[in-house]
């Protein structure tokens, strides 16, 4: 088998194609989450803590010197990235939780008991007849006033 045909067989397997689709959708979803966090979540959060814009938070390690730019420790961007991650992780958690709930409901679906085979029915009848035969006989009580 040539390298090209091996690669073709590998590339068209369902798992590889599914993974590629997942990566593409994940990248697009990442942009949506970044926009949601940056444009919707962070402004009100910044207002709640005193009008702070997280993306601008930084510590200057060295001031700008002539043509050299300032060296900054931009921890605000890190905070924003952590919040992005938490939101993505929560969204994935909720999705997995919903899928697991659906799987549990599927598993709980009642299944009908299998119909017994002819042998099982016959053995059950034999068992019942043997039980009937092995029952102790009830003693007949004789009334002395009334002879038999």
N, C-alpha and C. Protein backbone atom coordinates (compact mmCIF):
# COMPACT_ATOMS: atom_id res chain seq x y z
N UNK A 1 0.85 -1.17 0.00
CA UNK A 1 0.00 0.00 0.00
C UNK A 1 0.90 1.24 0.00
N UNK A 2 0.62 2.16 -0.89
CA UNK A 2 1.46 3.35 -1.00
C UNK A 2 1.13 4.34 0.12
N UNK A 3 2.03 5.24 0.33
CA UNK A 3 1.84 6.26 1.37
C UNK A 3 0.61 7.10 1.07
N UNK A 4 0.40 7.43 -0.20
CA UNK A 4 -0.74 8.25 -0.58
C UNK A 4 -2.05 7.53 -0.29
N UNK A 5 -2.14 6.25 -0.62
CA UNK A 5 -3.38 5.52 -0.36
C UNK A 5 -3.59 5.31 1.14
N UNK A 6 -2.52 5.12 1.90
CA UNK A 6 -2.64 5.01 3.36
C UNK A 6 -3.15 6.32 3.95
N UNK A 7 -2.61 7.44 3.47
CA UNK A 7 -3.06 8.73 3.96
C UNK A 7 -4.52 8.96 3.62
N UNK A 8 -4.93 8.58 2.40
CA UNK A 8 -6.32 8.75 1.98
C UNK A 8 -7.24 7.93 2.88
N UNK A 9 -6.86 6.68 3.17
CA UNK A 9 -7.67 5.83 4.05
C UNK A 9 -7.76 6.44 5.45
N UNK A 10 -6.66 7.02 5.93
CA UNK A 10 -6.65 7.64 7.25
C UNK A 10 -7.52 8.90 7.27
N UNK A 11 -7.39 9.72 6.24
CA UNK A 11 -8.07 11.02 6.22
C UNK A 11 -9.57 10.90 6.08
N UNK A 12 -10.06 9.87 5.43
CA UNK A 12 -11.51 9.77 5.23
C UNK A 12 -12.20 8.94 6.30
N UNK A 13 -11.45 8.47 7.29
CA UNK A 13 -12.08 7.77 8.40
C UNK A 13 -13.00 8.75 9.12
N UNK A 14 -14.08 8.23 9.67
CA UNK A 14 -15.06 9.07 10.35
C UNK A 14 -14.49 9.88 11.48
N UNK A 15 -13.60 9.30 12.28
CA UNK A 15 -13.06 10.01 13.44
C UNK A 15 -12.25 11.22 13.04
N UNK A 16 -11.46 11.10 11.99
CA UNK A 16 -10.62 12.23 11.56
C UNK A 16 -11.48 13.36 11.02
N UNK A 17 -12.47 13.02 10.22
CA UNK A 17 -13.36 14.04 9.66
C UNK A 17 -14.15 14.71 10.78
N UNK A 18 -14.67 13.91 11.72
CA UNK A 18 -15.42 14.48 12.84
C UNK A 18 -14.54 15.41 13.67
N UNK A 19 -13.29 15.01 13.88
CA UNK A 19 -12.38 15.84 14.65
C UNK A 19 -12.12 17.16 13.92
N UNK A 20 -11.94 17.11 12.61
CA UNK A 20 -11.69 18.33 11.84
C UNK A 20 -12.88 19.28 11.92
N UNK A 21 -14.08 18.73 11.80
CA UNK A 21 -15.28 19.56 11.91
C UNK A 21 -15.36 20.17 13.31
N UNK A 22 -15.05 19.38 14.33
CA UNK A 22 -15.08 19.88 15.70
C UNK A 22 -14.09 21.01 15.92
N UNK A 23 -12.90 20.89 15.35
CA UNK A 23 -11.88 21.93 15.50
C UNK A 23 -12.33 23.22 14.83
N UNK A 24 -12.89 23.11 13.64
CA UNK A 24 -13.36 24.31 12.92
C UNK A 24 -14.49 24.98 13.68
N UNK A 25 -15.45 24.19 14.14
CA UNK A 25 -16.57 24.77 14.91
C UNK A 25 -16.05 25.35 16.22
N UNK A 26 -15.09 24.67 16.85
CA UNK A 26 -14.51 25.18 18.09
C UNK A 26 -13.83 26.51 17.91
N UNK A 27 -13.12 26.68 16.80
CA UNK A 27 -12.46 27.96 16.54
C UNK A 27 -13.49 29.07 16.36
N UNK A 28 -14.55 28.77 15.63
CA UNK A 28 -15.61 29.77 15.44
C UNK A 28 -16.30 30.08 16.77
N UNK A 29 -16.53 29.05 17.57
CA UNK A 29 -17.18 29.24 18.86
C UNK A 29 -16.28 30.06 19.79
N UNK A 30 -14.97 29.88 19.68
CA UNK A 30 -14.04 30.66 20.49
C UNK A 30 -14.16 32.15 20.20
N UNK A 31 -14.34 32.51 18.94
CA UNK A 31 -14.51 33.92 18.59
C UNK A 31 -15.81 34.46 19.18
N UNK A 32 -16.87 33.65 19.13
CA UNK A 32 -18.15 34.08 19.69
C UNK A 32 -18.01 34.30 21.20
N UNK A 33 -17.37 33.38 21.88
CA UNK A 33 -17.20 33.51 23.33
C UNK A 33 -16.33 34.72 23.66
N UNK A 34 -15.27 34.94 22.91
CA UNK A 34 -14.42 36.10 23.17
C UNK A 34 -15.21 37.40 23.01
N UNK A 35 -16.03 37.47 21.99
CA UNK A 35 -16.86 38.65 21.79
C UNK A 35 -17.87 38.79 22.93
N UNK A 36 -18.48 37.68 23.32
CA UNK A 36 -19.47 37.71 24.40
C UNK A 36 -18.83 38.20 25.70
N UNK A 37 -17.66 37.67 26.01
CA UNK A 37 -16.99 38.07 27.24
C UNK A 37 -16.53 39.52 27.15
N UNK A 38 -15.87 39.89 26.05
CA UNK A 38 -15.31 41.23 25.92
C UNK A 38 -16.36 42.31 25.77
N UNK A 39 -17.46 42.01 25.08
CA UNK A 39 -18.44 43.04 24.76
C UNK A 39 -19.68 43.02 25.66
N UNK A 40 -19.97 41.88 26.29
CA UNK A 40 -21.20 41.78 27.08
C UNK A 40 -20.90 41.58 28.57
N UNK A 41 -20.00 40.70 28.91
CA UNK A 41 -19.75 40.37 30.32
C UNK A 41 -18.83 41.39 30.99
N UNK A 42 -17.73 41.73 30.35
CA UNK A 42 -16.71 42.56 31.00
C UNK A 42 -17.15 44.01 31.26
N UNK A 43 -17.86 44.68 30.35
CA UNK A 43 -18.26 46.06 30.68
C UNK A 43 -19.10 46.18 31.95
N UNK A 44 -20.16 45.38 32.14
CA UNK A 44 -20.90 45.49 33.41
C UNK A 44 -20.05 45.08 34.62
N UNK A 45 -19.20 44.07 34.44
CA UNK A 45 -18.34 43.64 35.54
C UNK A 45 -17.37 44.76 35.90
N UNK A 46 -16.84 45.44 34.89
CA UNK A 46 -15.96 46.58 35.14
C UNK A 46 -16.68 47.70 35.88
N UNK A 47 -17.95 47.95 35.53
CA UNK A 47 -18.73 48.97 36.24
C UNK A 47 -18.95 48.58 37.70
N UNK A 48 -19.22 47.30 37.93
CA UNK A 48 -19.47 46.85 39.29
C UNK A 48 -18.24 47.02 40.19
N UNK A 49 -17.07 46.91 39.62
CA UNK A 49 -15.86 47.05 40.44
C UNK A 49 -15.20 48.42 40.25
N UNK A 50 -15.97 49.39 39.81
CA UNK A 50 -15.47 50.76 39.78
C UNK A 50 -15.01 51.25 38.43
N UNK A 51 -15.60 50.78 37.36
CA UNK A 51 -15.28 51.27 36.03
C UNK A 51 -13.94 50.81 35.50
N UNK A 52 -13.44 49.70 35.99
CA UNK A 52 -12.15 49.19 35.54
C UNK A 52 -12.34 48.38 34.26
N UNK A 53 -11.51 48.67 33.26
CA UNK A 53 -11.50 47.87 32.03
C UNK A 53 -10.36 46.87 32.18
N UNK A 54 -10.70 45.60 32.28
CA UNK A 54 -9.69 44.58 32.55
C UNK A 54 -8.59 44.54 31.50
N UNK A 55 -8.95 44.75 30.24
CA UNK A 55 -7.95 44.62 29.18
C UNK A 55 -6.86 45.69 29.29
N UNK A 56 -7.13 46.78 30.00
CA UNK A 56 -6.13 47.84 30.16
C UNK A 56 -5.27 47.68 31.42
N UNK A 57 -5.60 46.72 32.28
CA UNK A 57 -4.84 46.55 33.51
C UNK A 57 -3.45 45.99 33.20
N UNK A 58 -2.44 46.67 33.69
CA UNK A 58 -1.06 46.23 33.45
C UNK A 58 -0.14 46.88 34.47
N UNK A 59 0.99 46.24 34.68
CA UNK A 59 2.04 46.79 35.52
C UNK A 59 3.21 47.12 34.60
N UNK A 60 3.71 48.35 34.70
CA UNK A 60 4.84 48.76 33.87
C UNK A 60 6.13 48.28 34.53
N UNK A 61 6.81 47.39 33.82
CA UNK A 61 8.09 46.89 34.33
C UNK A 61 9.24 47.83 33.97
N UNK A 62 9.12 48.43 32.78
CA UNK A 62 10.12 49.40 32.34
C UNK A 62 9.40 50.41 31.45
N UNK A 63 9.57 51.68 31.75
CA UNK A 63 8.90 52.73 30.99
C UNK A 63 9.50 52.81 29.59
N UNK A 64 8.73 53.40 28.69
CA UNK A 64 9.21 53.58 27.32
C UNK A 64 10.43 54.49 27.34
N UNK A 65 11.42 54.13 26.55
CA UNK A 65 12.67 54.89 26.53
C UNK A 65 13.02 55.19 25.09
N UNK A 66 12.75 56.41 24.67
CA UNK A 66 13.06 56.81 23.29
C UNK A 66 12.26 55.98 22.30
N UNK A 67 12.96 55.15 21.54
CA UNK A 67 12.28 54.32 20.53
C UNK A 67 11.87 52.96 21.09
N UNK A 68 12.38 52.58 22.26
CA UNK A 68 12.02 51.28 22.86
C UNK A 68 10.66 51.40 23.54
N UNK A 69 9.76 50.49 23.23
CA UNK A 69 8.44 50.54 23.86
C UNK A 69 8.52 50.12 25.33
N UNK A 70 7.50 50.47 26.08
CA UNK A 70 7.45 50.11 27.49
C UNK A 70 7.27 48.59 27.62
N UNK A 71 7.84 48.06 28.68
CA UNK A 71 7.67 46.63 28.97
C UNK A 71 6.56 46.53 30.02
N UNK A 72 5.47 45.85 29.64
CA UNK A 72 4.29 45.77 30.50
C UNK A 72 4.00 44.32 30.89
N UNK A 73 3.49 44.17 32.10
CA UNK A 73 2.94 42.89 32.54
C UNK A 73 1.42 43.06 32.46
N UNK A 74 0.83 42.63 31.34
CA UNK A 74 -0.58 42.89 31.05
C UNK A 74 -1.46 41.81 31.69
N UNK A 75 -1.64 41.92 32.99
CA UNK A 75 -2.43 40.91 33.69
C UNK A 75 -3.93 41.06 33.43
N UNK A 76 -4.37 42.20 32.95
CA UNK A 76 -5.78 42.40 32.62
C UNK A 76 -6.21 41.50 31.47
N UNK A 77 -5.36 41.38 30.46
CA UNK A 77 -5.67 40.48 29.35
C UNK A 77 -5.72 39.04 29.83
N UNK A 78 -4.85 38.70 30.79
CA UNK A 78 -4.87 37.36 31.36
C UNK A 78 -6.18 37.10 32.09
N UNK A 79 -6.64 38.09 32.87
CA UNK A 79 -7.91 37.94 33.58
C UNK A 79 -9.04 37.72 32.58
N UNK A 80 -9.04 38.48 31.50
CA UNK A 80 -10.07 38.33 30.47
C UNK A 80 -9.99 36.94 29.84
N UNK A 81 -8.78 36.45 29.59
CA UNK A 81 -8.62 35.11 29.00
C UNK A 81 -9.12 34.04 29.97
N UNK A 82 -8.86 34.21 31.26
CA UNK A 82 -9.35 33.24 32.25
C UNK A 82 -10.87 33.24 32.27
N UNK A 83 -11.48 34.42 32.19
CA UNK A 83 -12.94 34.49 32.17
C UNK A 83 -13.48 33.83 30.90
N UNK A 84 -12.82 34.05 29.77
CA UNK A 84 -13.19 33.36 28.52
C UNK A 84 -13.18 31.85 28.73
N UNK A 85 -12.09 31.36 29.33
CA UNK A 85 -11.95 29.93 29.56
C UNK A 85 -13.07 29.40 30.46
N UNK A 86 -13.37 30.11 31.53
CA UNK A 86 -14.41 29.66 32.46
C UNK A 86 -15.75 29.57 31.75
N UNK A 87 -16.06 30.56 30.91
CA UNK A 87 -17.33 30.53 30.19
C UNK A 87 -17.36 29.38 29.19
N UNK A 88 -16.28 29.16 28.46
CA UNK A 88 -16.23 28.04 27.51
C UNK A 88 -16.35 26.72 28.26
N UNK A 89 -15.61 26.57 29.35
CA UNK A 89 -15.67 25.33 30.12
C UNK A 89 -17.07 25.08 30.66
N UNK A 90 -17.74 26.14 31.12
CA UNK A 90 -19.10 25.99 31.63
C UNK A 90 -20.06 25.60 30.52
N UNK A 91 -19.91 26.22 29.34
CA UNK A 91 -20.78 25.87 28.21
C UNK A 91 -20.58 24.42 27.80
N UNK A 92 -19.34 23.97 27.76
CA UNK A 92 -19.07 22.57 27.41
C UNK A 92 -19.62 21.64 28.48
N UNK A 93 -19.45 22.01 29.75
CA UNK A 93 -19.98 21.21 30.85
C UNK A 93 -21.50 21.05 30.73
N UNK A 94 -22.19 22.16 30.44
CA UNK A 94 -23.65 22.09 30.31
C UNK A 94 -24.05 21.22 29.12
N UNK A 95 -23.30 21.30 28.02
CA UNK A 95 -23.59 20.46 26.86
C UNK A 95 -23.40 18.99 27.17
N UNK A 96 -22.30 18.65 27.83
CA UNK A 96 -22.04 17.25 28.19
C UNK A 96 -23.08 16.76 29.19
N UNK A 97 -23.47 17.62 30.11
CA UNK A 97 -24.49 17.25 31.09
C UNK A 97 -25.81 16.94 30.40
N UNK A 98 -26.19 17.75 29.41
CA UNK A 98 -27.43 17.50 28.66
C UNK A 98 -27.34 16.19 27.88
N UNK A 99 -26.20 15.93 27.27
CA UNK A 99 -26.03 14.68 26.51
C UNK A 99 -26.11 13.48 27.45
N UNK A 100 -25.47 13.58 28.62
CA UNK A 100 -25.52 12.48 29.59
C UNK A 100 -26.94 12.24 30.09
N UNK A 101 -27.72 13.31 30.28
CA UNK A 101 -29.10 13.16 30.71
C UNK A 101 -29.91 12.42 29.65
N UNK A 102 -29.69 12.77 28.39
CA UNK A 102 -30.39 12.07 27.31
C UNK A 102 -30.00 10.60 27.25
N UNK A 103 -28.73 10.30 27.47
CA UNK A 103 -28.28 8.91 27.47
C UNK A 103 -28.91 8.13 28.62
N UNK A 104 -29.03 8.77 29.80
CA UNK A 104 -29.64 8.09 30.95
C UNK A 104 -31.11 7.82 30.68
N UNK A 105 -31.82 8.79 30.06
CA UNK A 105 -33.23 8.58 29.75
C UNK A 105 -33.38 7.45 28.74
N UNK A 106 -32.45 7.36 27.79
CA UNK A 106 -32.47 6.28 26.82
C UNK A 106 -32.28 4.94 27.51
N UNK A 107 -31.37 4.90 28.47
CA UNK A 107 -31.07 3.66 29.17
C UNK A 107 -32.23 3.23 30.07
N UNK A 108 -33.00 4.20 30.59
CA UNK A 108 -34.12 3.89 31.47
C UNK A 108 -35.34 3.38 30.72
N UNK A 109 -35.35 3.51 29.41
CA UNK A 109 -36.51 3.07 28.63
C UNK A 109 -36.77 1.60 28.93
N UNK A 110 -38.02 1.27 29.32
CA UNK A 110 -38.30 -0.11 29.70
C UNK A 110 -38.22 -1.04 28.49
N UNK A 111 -37.64 -2.17 28.74
CA UNK A 111 -37.55 -3.18 27.69
C UNK A 111 -38.47 -4.32 28.06
N UNK A 112 -39.13 -4.87 27.08
CA UNK A 112 -40.03 -5.98 27.33
C UNK A 112 -39.21 -7.23 27.64
N UNK A 113 -39.70 -8.02 28.59
CA UNK A 113 -38.97 -9.25 28.86
C UNK A 113 -39.08 -10.17 27.65
N UNK A 114 -38.05 -10.93 27.39
CA UNK A 114 -38.09 -11.81 26.22
C UNK A 114 -39.16 -12.88 26.40
N UNK A 115 -39.81 -13.23 25.31
CA UNK A 115 -40.84 -14.27 25.40
C UNK A 115 -40.15 -15.60 25.65
N UNK A 116 -40.70 -16.40 26.57
CA UNK A 116 -40.05 -17.67 26.88
C UNK A 116 -40.14 -18.63 25.69
N UNK A 117 -39.11 -19.45 25.56
CA UNK A 117 -39.10 -20.43 24.48
C UNK A 117 -40.07 -21.57 24.82
N UNK A 118 -40.32 -22.43 23.85
CA UNK A 118 -41.23 -23.57 24.08
C UNK A 118 -40.69 -24.46 25.19
N UNK A 119 -39.37 -24.63 25.22
CA UNK A 119 -38.76 -25.46 26.27
C UNK A 119 -39.01 -24.88 27.65
N UNK A 120 -38.87 -23.54 27.76
CA UNK A 120 -39.08 -22.90 29.05
C UNK A 120 -40.53 -23.03 29.50
N UNK A 121 -41.46 -22.88 28.58
CA UNK A 121 -42.87 -23.02 28.92
C UNK A 121 -43.15 -24.44 29.39
N UNK A 122 -42.64 -25.42 28.66
CA UNK A 122 -42.84 -26.82 29.00
C UNK A 122 -42.22 -27.14 30.36
N UNK A 123 -41.01 -26.66 30.60
CA UNK A 123 -40.37 -26.89 31.90
C UNK A 123 -41.16 -26.24 33.04
N UNK A 124 -41.73 -25.08 32.79
CA UNK A 124 -42.55 -24.42 33.80
C UNK A 124 -43.79 -25.23 34.12
N UNK A 125 -44.42 -25.82 33.09
CA UNK A 125 -45.60 -26.65 33.32
C UNK A 125 -45.23 -27.90 34.10
N UNK A 126 -44.10 -28.52 33.76
CA UNK A 126 -43.64 -29.71 34.49
C UNK A 126 -43.39 -29.36 35.95
N UNK A 127 -42.75 -28.21 36.20
CA UNK A 127 -42.48 -27.77 37.57
C UNK A 127 -43.78 -27.62 38.34
N UNK A 128 -44.78 -27.00 37.72
CA UNK A 128 -46.06 -26.79 38.39
C UNK A 128 -46.74 -28.12 38.70
N UNK A 129 -46.68 -29.08 37.75
CA UNK A 129 -47.29 -30.40 37.98
C UNK A 129 -46.58 -31.13 39.12
N UNK A 130 -45.25 -31.05 39.16
CA UNK A 130 -44.51 -31.70 40.25
C UNK A 130 -44.85 -31.08 41.60
N UNK A 131 -45.01 -29.78 41.64
CA UNK A 131 -45.41 -29.12 42.89
C UNK A 131 -46.77 -29.64 43.33
N UNK A 132 -47.67 -29.77 42.36
CA UNK A 132 -49.03 -30.23 42.67
C UNK A 132 -49.00 -31.67 43.18
N UNK A 133 -48.17 -32.52 42.59
CA UNK A 133 -48.09 -33.92 43.01
C UNK A 133 -47.44 -34.05 44.38
N UNK A 134 -46.51 -33.21 44.70
CA UNK A 134 -45.77 -33.34 45.95
C UNK A 134 -46.42 -32.60 47.11
N UNK A 135 -47.59 -32.05 46.90
CA UNK A 135 -48.28 -31.37 48.00
C UNK A 135 -48.68 -32.42 49.02
N UNK A 136 -48.50 -32.11 50.29
CA UNK A 136 -48.96 -33.08 51.29
C UNK A 136 -50.48 -33.15 51.26
N UNK A 137 -50.96 -34.34 51.41
CA UNK A 137 -52.41 -34.53 51.38
C UNK A 137 -52.97 -34.01 52.69
N UNK A 138 -54.09 -33.38 52.62
CA UNK A 138 -54.73 -32.89 53.83
C UNK A 138 -55.43 -34.07 54.51
N UNK A 139 -55.18 -34.23 55.78
CA UNK A 139 -55.82 -35.36 56.47
C UNK A 139 -57.33 -35.15 56.57
N UNK A 140 -58.00 -36.24 56.46
CA UNK A 140 -59.46 -36.20 56.58
C UNK A 140 -59.78 -36.45 58.05
N UNK A 141 -60.48 -35.53 58.60
CA UNK A 141 -60.86 -35.71 60.00
C UNK A 141 -62.19 -36.45 60.04
N UNK A 142 -62.21 -37.42 60.88
CA UNK A 142 -63.42 -38.25 61.01
C UNK A 142 -64.16 -37.78 62.25
N UNK A 143 -65.40 -37.56 62.06
CA UNK A 143 -66.26 -37.15 63.17
C UNK A 143 -66.78 -38.44 63.82
N UNK A 144 -66.46 -38.66 65.11
CA UNK A 144 -66.90 -39.90 65.74
C UNK A 144 -68.41 -40.02 65.79
N UNK A 145 -69.08 -38.94 65.75
CA UNK A 145 -70.53 -39.01 65.80
C UNK A 145 -71.10 -39.51 64.49
N UNK A 146 -70.35 -39.33 63.44
CA UNK A 146 -70.82 -39.77 62.12
C UNK A 146 -69.83 -40.77 61.56
N UNK A 147 -70.09 -42.01 61.65
CA UNK A 147 -69.16 -42.98 61.10
C UNK A 147 -69.16 -42.93 59.58
N UNK A 148 -68.04 -43.32 59.02
CA UNK A 148 -67.90 -43.27 57.57
C UNK A 148 -68.49 -44.46 56.91
